[in-house]
């Protein structure tokens, strides 16, 4: 939230943190939809709604900067309608580059 308030564009999708600021100008949906709908919440449902092609999963690695700590995931606001279990299962199958949630990571972004 603090990063986005300072002008960044970090998204959270299923616990993944994605820095999409450089993508906004190229985003086929325009440069306003992501900041207006998907910041500071779990954007999994929005990603599911607008990206019916699983080809879009291939681009996530380009923007991936880490994971929300397991203890902090419950603090992320979630829209009333959540992403479907099928979508989340497919997303997890395609994003094999992700850090393991149970890994003992000793680095903190920004420190």
N, C-alpha and C. Protein backbone atom coordinates (compact mmCIF):
# COMPACT_ATOMS: atom_id res chain seq x y z
N UNK A 1 0.83 -1.19 0.00
CA UNK A 1 0.00 0.00 0.00
C UNK A 1 0.87 1.25 0.00
N UNK A 2 1.91 1.25 0.86
CA UNK A 2 2.79 2.42 0.92
C UNK A 2 3.50 2.62 -0.41
N UNK A 3 3.93 1.54 -1.03
CA UNK A 3 4.61 1.65 -2.33
C UNK A 3 3.67 2.23 -3.38
N UNK A 4 2.44 1.75 -3.42
CA UNK A 4 1.48 2.25 -4.40
C UNK A 4 1.11 3.71 -4.12
N UNK A 5 0.99 4.07 -2.86
CA UNK A 5 0.68 5.46 -2.50
C UNK A 5 1.79 6.40 -2.98
N UNK A 6 3.01 5.90 -3.01
CA UNK A 6 4.15 6.70 -3.45
C UNK A 6 4.32 6.70 -4.97
N UNK A 7 3.37 6.13 -5.70
CA UNK A 7 3.42 6.17 -7.16
C UNK A 7 3.73 4.86 -7.84
N UNK A 8 3.97 3.81 -7.07
CA UNK A 8 4.23 2.51 -7.66
C UNK A 8 2.94 1.84 -8.10
N UNK A 9 3.10 0.74 -8.78
CA UNK A 9 1.94 -0.05 -9.20
C UNK A 9 2.28 -1.52 -8.96
N UNK A 10 2.15 -1.92 -7.70
CA UNK A 10 2.36 -3.31 -7.30
C UNK A 10 1.01 -3.96 -7.11
N UNK A 11 0.84 -5.12 -7.72
CA UNK A 11 -0.38 -5.90 -7.59
C UNK A 11 -0.13 -7.13 -6.74
N UNK A 12 -1.19 -7.63 -6.15
CA UNK A 12 -1.15 -8.90 -5.45
C UNK A 12 -2.16 -9.82 -6.12
N UNK A 13 -1.65 -10.92 -6.67
CA UNK A 13 -2.50 -11.92 -7.30
C UNK A 13 -2.15 -13.26 -6.67
N UNK A 14 -3.07 -13.80 -5.91
CA UNK A 14 -2.86 -15.08 -5.23
C UNK A 14 -1.57 -15.09 -4.42
N UNK A 15 -1.28 -13.98 -3.77
CA UNK A 15 -0.09 -13.88 -2.94
C UNK A 15 1.17 -13.47 -3.67
N UNK A 16 1.13 -13.48 -5.01
CA UNK A 16 2.28 -13.00 -5.78
C UNK A 16 2.28 -11.48 -5.77
N UNK A 17 3.45 -10.89 -5.66
CA UNK A 17 3.58 -9.44 -5.78
C UNK A 17 4.18 -9.18 -7.16
N UNK A 18 3.48 -8.34 -7.92
CA UNK A 18 3.88 -8.04 -9.29
C UNK A 18 4.03 -6.54 -9.46
N UNK A 19 5.16 -6.11 -9.99
CA UNK A 19 5.40 -4.69 -10.27
C UNK A 19 5.05 -4.46 -11.74
N UNK A 20 3.87 -3.89 -12.00
CA UNK A 20 3.38 -3.74 -13.37
C UNK A 20 3.44 -2.30 -13.89
N UNK A 21 4.11 -1.43 -13.18
CA UNK A 21 4.14 -0.02 -13.59
C UNK A 21 4.62 0.15 -15.03
N UNK A 22 5.70 -0.52 -15.40
CA UNK A 22 6.24 -0.35 -16.75
C UNK A 22 5.32 -0.93 -17.83
N UNK A 23 4.38 -1.76 -17.44
CA UNK A 23 3.47 -2.42 -18.37
C UNK A 23 2.24 -1.57 -18.68
N UNK A 24 1.93 -0.61 -17.84
CA UNK A 24 0.68 0.14 -17.99
C UNK A 24 0.51 0.75 -19.37
N UNK A 25 1.55 1.34 -19.93
CA UNK A 25 1.45 1.96 -21.24
C UNK A 25 1.21 0.97 -22.37
N UNK A 26 1.54 -0.28 -22.16
CA UNK A 26 1.37 -1.32 -23.18
C UNK A 26 0.14 -2.19 -22.93
N UNK A 27 -0.45 -2.08 -21.76
CA UNK A 27 -1.57 -2.94 -21.38
C UNK A 27 -2.72 -2.77 -22.36
N UNK A 28 -3.18 -3.86 -22.98
CA UNK A 28 -4.28 -3.76 -23.95
C UNK A 28 -5.56 -3.14 -23.39
N UNK A 29 -5.77 -3.25 -22.09
CA UNK A 29 -6.96 -2.66 -21.47
C UNK A 29 -6.77 -1.20 -21.11
N UNK A 30 -5.63 -0.64 -21.44
CA UNK A 30 -5.35 0.76 -21.13
C UNK A 30 -4.57 0.88 -19.83
N UNK A 31 -4.16 2.10 -19.55
CA UNK A 31 -3.29 2.33 -18.39
C UNK A 31 -4.03 2.75 -17.13
N UNK A 32 -5.36 2.77 -17.19
CA UNK A 32 -6.15 3.23 -16.05
C UNK A 32 -6.83 2.09 -15.30
N UNK A 33 -7.20 1.03 -16.01
CA UNK A 33 -8.01 -0.03 -15.40
C UNK A 33 -7.28 -0.71 -14.23
N UNK A 34 -6.00 -0.98 -14.37
CA UNK A 34 -5.27 -1.65 -13.29
C UNK A 34 -5.20 -0.76 -12.05
N UNK A 35 -4.73 0.48 -12.17
CA UNK A 35 -4.70 1.32 -10.96
C UNK A 35 -6.07 1.58 -10.34
N UNK A 36 -7.10 1.68 -11.16
CA UNK A 36 -8.43 1.98 -10.63
C UNK A 36 -9.11 0.79 -9.97
N UNK A 37 -8.79 -0.43 -10.40
CA UNK A 37 -9.52 -1.59 -9.90
C UNK A 37 -8.71 -2.56 -9.06
N UNK A 38 -7.41 -2.59 -9.22
CA UNK A 38 -6.67 -3.74 -8.70
C UNK A 38 -5.57 -3.44 -7.69
N UNK A 39 -5.40 -2.21 -7.28
CA UNK A 39 -4.35 -1.90 -6.32
C UNK A 39 -4.84 -2.10 -4.89
N UNK A 40 -3.94 -2.57 -4.06
CA UNK A 40 -4.18 -2.69 -2.61
C UNK A 40 -5.28 -3.67 -2.24
N UNK A 41 -5.53 -4.62 -3.11
CA UNK A 41 -6.47 -5.72 -2.86
C UNK A 41 -5.88 -6.99 -3.45
N UNK A 42 -6.48 -8.12 -3.18
CA UNK A 42 -6.13 -9.34 -3.90
C UNK A 42 -6.79 -9.23 -5.27
N UNK A 43 -6.00 -9.04 -6.31
CA UNK A 43 -6.52 -8.79 -7.65
C UNK A 43 -6.74 -10.08 -8.45
N UNK A 44 -6.76 -11.22 -7.78
CA UNK A 44 -6.92 -12.50 -8.48
C UNK A 44 -8.21 -12.54 -9.29
N UNK A 45 -9.31 -12.10 -8.71
CA UNK A 45 -10.60 -12.13 -9.41
C UNK A 45 -10.58 -11.22 -10.63
N UNK A 46 -10.01 -10.04 -10.50
CA UNK A 46 -9.94 -9.14 -11.65
C UNK A 46 -9.10 -9.75 -12.76
N UNK A 47 -7.99 -10.38 -12.38
CA UNK A 47 -7.14 -11.02 -13.38
C UNK A 47 -7.91 -12.14 -14.08
N UNK A 48 -8.67 -12.90 -13.33
CA UNK A 48 -9.47 -13.98 -13.91
C UNK A 48 -10.52 -13.42 -14.87
N UNK A 49 -11.19 -12.36 -14.48
CA UNK A 49 -12.27 -11.78 -15.30
C UNK A 49 -11.77 -11.27 -16.64
N UNK A 50 -10.63 -10.63 -16.65
CA UNK A 50 -10.15 -9.95 -17.85
C UNK A 50 -9.15 -10.75 -18.67
N UNK A 51 -8.69 -11.87 -18.18
CA UNK A 51 -7.67 -12.64 -18.88
C UNK A 51 -8.13 -14.08 -19.06
N UNK A 52 -9.09 -14.27 -19.95
CA UNK A 52 -9.63 -15.61 -20.17
C UNK A 52 -8.60 -16.53 -20.82
N UNK A 53 -7.67 -15.97 -21.57
CA UNK A 53 -6.60 -16.76 -22.18
C UNK A 53 -5.52 -17.03 -21.14
N UNK A 54 -5.14 -18.28 -21.01
CA UNK A 54 -4.09 -18.63 -20.06
C UNK A 54 -2.72 -18.20 -20.59
N UNK A 55 -2.67 -17.72 -21.82
CA UNK A 55 -1.43 -17.18 -22.37
C UNK A 55 -0.91 -16.02 -21.52
N UNK A 56 -1.82 -15.28 -20.91
CA UNK A 56 -1.42 -14.15 -20.08
C UNK A 56 -0.62 -14.60 -18.86
N UNK A 57 -0.78 -15.85 -18.44
CA UNK A 57 0.00 -16.37 -17.31
C UNK A 57 1.50 -16.34 -17.62
N UNK A 58 1.83 -16.50 -18.90
CA UNK A 58 3.23 -16.56 -19.30
C UNK A 58 3.96 -15.25 -19.04
N UNK A 59 3.25 -14.16 -19.00
CA UNK A 59 3.86 -12.84 -18.81
C UNK A 59 4.09 -12.49 -17.34
N UNK A 60 3.47 -13.19 -16.45
CA UNK A 60 3.55 -12.84 -15.03
C UNK A 60 4.99 -12.88 -14.51
N UNK A 61 5.78 -13.79 -15.02
CA UNK A 61 7.16 -13.90 -14.55
C UNK A 61 7.93 -12.60 -14.79
N UNK A 62 7.58 -11.87 -15.84
CA UNK A 62 8.25 -10.61 -16.18
C UNK A 62 8.07 -9.55 -15.09
N UNK A 63 7.00 -9.66 -14.33
CA UNK A 63 6.64 -8.63 -13.35
C UNK A 63 6.77 -9.11 -11.90
N UNK A 64 7.06 -10.37 -11.73
CA UNK A 64 7.11 -11.00 -10.41
C UNK A 64 8.27 -10.46 -9.59
N UNK A 65 7.96 -10.00 -8.36
CA UNK A 65 9.03 -9.54 -7.47
C UNK A 65 9.02 -10.27 -6.14
N UNK A 66 8.04 -11.10 -5.89
CA UNK A 66 8.05 -11.87 -4.65
C UNK A 66 6.66 -12.31 -4.22
N UNK A 67 6.59 -12.73 -2.97
CA UNK A 67 5.35 -13.25 -2.38
C UNK A 67 5.01 -12.47 -1.12
N UNK A 68 3.74 -12.35 -0.86
CA UNK A 68 3.29 -11.81 0.42
C UNK A 68 3.52 -12.90 1.45
N UNK A 69 4.08 -12.53 2.59
CA UNK A 69 4.32 -13.51 3.65
C UNK A 69 3.00 -14.18 4.03
N UNK A 70 3.07 -15.47 4.30
CA UNK A 70 1.87 -16.23 4.64
C UNK A 70 1.10 -15.58 5.79
N UNK A 71 1.80 -15.06 6.78
CA UNK A 71 1.15 -14.44 7.94
C UNK A 71 0.43 -13.14 7.57
N UNK A 72 0.81 -12.53 6.45
CA UNK A 72 0.20 -11.25 6.05
C UNK A 72 -0.90 -11.41 5.01
N UNK A 73 -1.06 -12.58 4.45
CA UNK A 73 -2.06 -12.76 3.38
C UNK A 73 -3.48 -12.46 3.85
N UNK A 74 -3.78 -12.79 5.08
CA UNK A 74 -5.15 -12.57 5.59
C UNK A 74 -5.45 -11.07 5.74
N UNK A 75 -4.44 -10.24 5.72
CA UNK A 75 -4.62 -8.79 5.84
C UNK A 75 -4.97 -8.11 4.52
N UNK A 76 -4.82 -8.84 3.42
CA UNK A 76 -5.08 -8.27 2.09
C UNK A 76 -6.58 -8.28 1.83
N UNK A 77 -7.17 -7.12 1.55
CA UNK A 77 -8.60 -7.09 1.24
C UNK A 77 -8.91 -7.92 0.00
N UNK A 78 -10.03 -8.63 0.05
CA UNK A 78 -10.45 -9.49 -1.06
C UNK A 78 -11.82 -9.01 -1.53
N UNK A 79 -12.02 -8.88 -2.85
CA UNK A 79 -13.34 -8.49 -3.35
C UNK A 79 -14.42 -9.48 -2.90
N UNK A 80 -15.64 -9.03 -2.89
CA UNK A 80 -16.76 -9.88 -2.48
C UNK A 80 -16.80 -11.17 -3.29
N UNK A 81 -16.58 -11.04 -4.60
CA UNK A 81 -16.50 -12.22 -5.46
C UNK A 81 -15.05 -12.60 -5.62
N UNK A 82 -14.72 -13.79 -5.18
CA UNK A 82 -13.33 -14.25 -5.21
C UNK A 82 -13.04 -14.99 -6.52
N UNK A 83 -11.76 -15.15 -6.80
CA UNK A 83 -11.36 -15.94 -7.97
C UNK A 83 -11.81 -17.38 -7.77
N UNK A 84 -12.12 -18.04 -8.86
CA UNK A 84 -12.59 -19.43 -8.78
C UNK A 84 -11.44 -20.37 -8.41
N UNK A 85 -11.77 -21.47 -7.79
CA UNK A 85 -10.77 -22.47 -7.42
C UNK A 85 -10.08 -23.02 -8.66
N UNK A 86 -10.84 -23.21 -9.75
CA UNK A 86 -10.27 -23.72 -10.99
C UNK A 86 -9.23 -22.74 -11.54
N UNK A 87 -9.54 -21.46 -11.53
CA UNK A 87 -8.60 -20.45 -12.00
C UNK A 87 -7.33 -20.46 -11.15
N UNK A 88 -7.49 -20.48 -9.83
CA UNK A 88 -6.33 -20.46 -8.94
C UNK A 88 -5.47 -21.70 -9.13
N UNK A 89 -6.09 -22.85 -9.35
CA UNK A 89 -5.33 -24.07 -9.59
C UNK A 89 -4.52 -23.96 -10.88
N UNK A 90 -5.14 -23.43 -11.92
CA UNK A 90 -4.42 -23.24 -13.19
C UNK A 90 -3.30 -22.22 -13.03
N UNK A 91 -3.57 -21.14 -12.34
CA UNK A 91 -2.56 -20.11 -12.11
C UNK A 91 -1.35 -20.70 -11.39
N UNK A 92 -1.61 -21.47 -10.37
CA UNK A 92 -0.51 -22.08 -9.60
C UNK A 92 0.28 -23.08 -10.44
N UNK A 93 -0.41 -23.79 -11.33
CA UNK A 93 0.27 -24.76 -12.20
C UNK A 93 1.20 -24.05 -13.20
N UNK A 94 0.81 -22.89 -13.66
CA UNK A 94 1.61 -22.14 -14.65
C UNK A 94 2.73 -21.33 -14.02
N UNK A 95 2.61 -20.96 -12.76
CA UNK A 95 3.59 -20.06 -12.14
C UNK A 95 4.58 -20.84 -11.29
N UNK A 96 5.29 -21.71 -11.93
CA UNK A 96 6.27 -22.55 -11.25
C UNK A 96 7.50 -21.77 -10.79
N UNK A 97 7.64 -20.53 -11.23
CA UNK A 97 8.76 -19.67 -10.84
C UNK A 97 8.60 -19.07 -9.45
N UNK A 98 7.44 -19.22 -8.87
CA UNK A 98 7.17 -18.59 -7.58
C UNK A 98 8.03 -19.15 -6.47
N UNK A 99 8.32 -18.30 -5.49
CA UNK A 99 8.99 -18.75 -4.28
C UNK A 99 8.05 -19.67 -3.54
N UNK A 100 8.56 -20.66 -2.91
CA UNK A 100 7.73 -21.57 -2.12
C UNK A 100 7.24 -20.83 -0.88
N UNK A 101 5.98 -20.94 -0.58
CA UNK A 101 5.41 -20.21 0.55
C UNK A 101 5.96 -20.67 1.89
N UNK A 102 6.48 -21.89 1.94
CA UNK A 102 7.02 -22.39 3.20
C UNK A 102 8.54 -22.22 3.30
N UNK A 103 9.12 -21.55 2.30
CA UNK A 103 10.58 -21.34 2.31
C UNK A 103 10.95 -20.35 3.41
N UNK A 104 12.10 -20.53 3.97
CA UNK A 104 12.61 -19.63 5.01
C UNK A 104 13.43 -18.54 4.34
N UNK A 105 12.75 -17.53 3.83
CA UNK A 105 13.41 -16.44 3.12
C UNK A 105 13.92 -15.43 4.14
N UNK A 106 15.16 -15.06 4.01
CA UNK A 106 15.78 -14.14 4.96
C UNK A 106 15.95 -12.73 4.41
N UNK A 107 15.44 -12.49 3.21
CA UNK A 107 15.55 -11.18 2.58
C UNK A 107 14.19 -10.52 2.59
N UNK A 108 14.16 -9.25 2.85
CA UNK A 108 12.91 -8.50 2.84
C UNK A 108 13.05 -7.41 1.79
N UNK A 109 12.07 -7.31 0.89
CA UNK A 109 12.11 -6.27 -0.13
C UNK A 109 12.20 -4.90 0.52
N UNK A 110 13.08 -4.10 0.04
CA UNK A 110 13.19 -2.74 0.55
C UNK A 110 14.15 -2.60 1.72
N UNK A 111 14.77 -3.68 2.12
CA UNK A 111 15.72 -3.58 3.24
C UNK A 111 17.08 -4.03 2.79
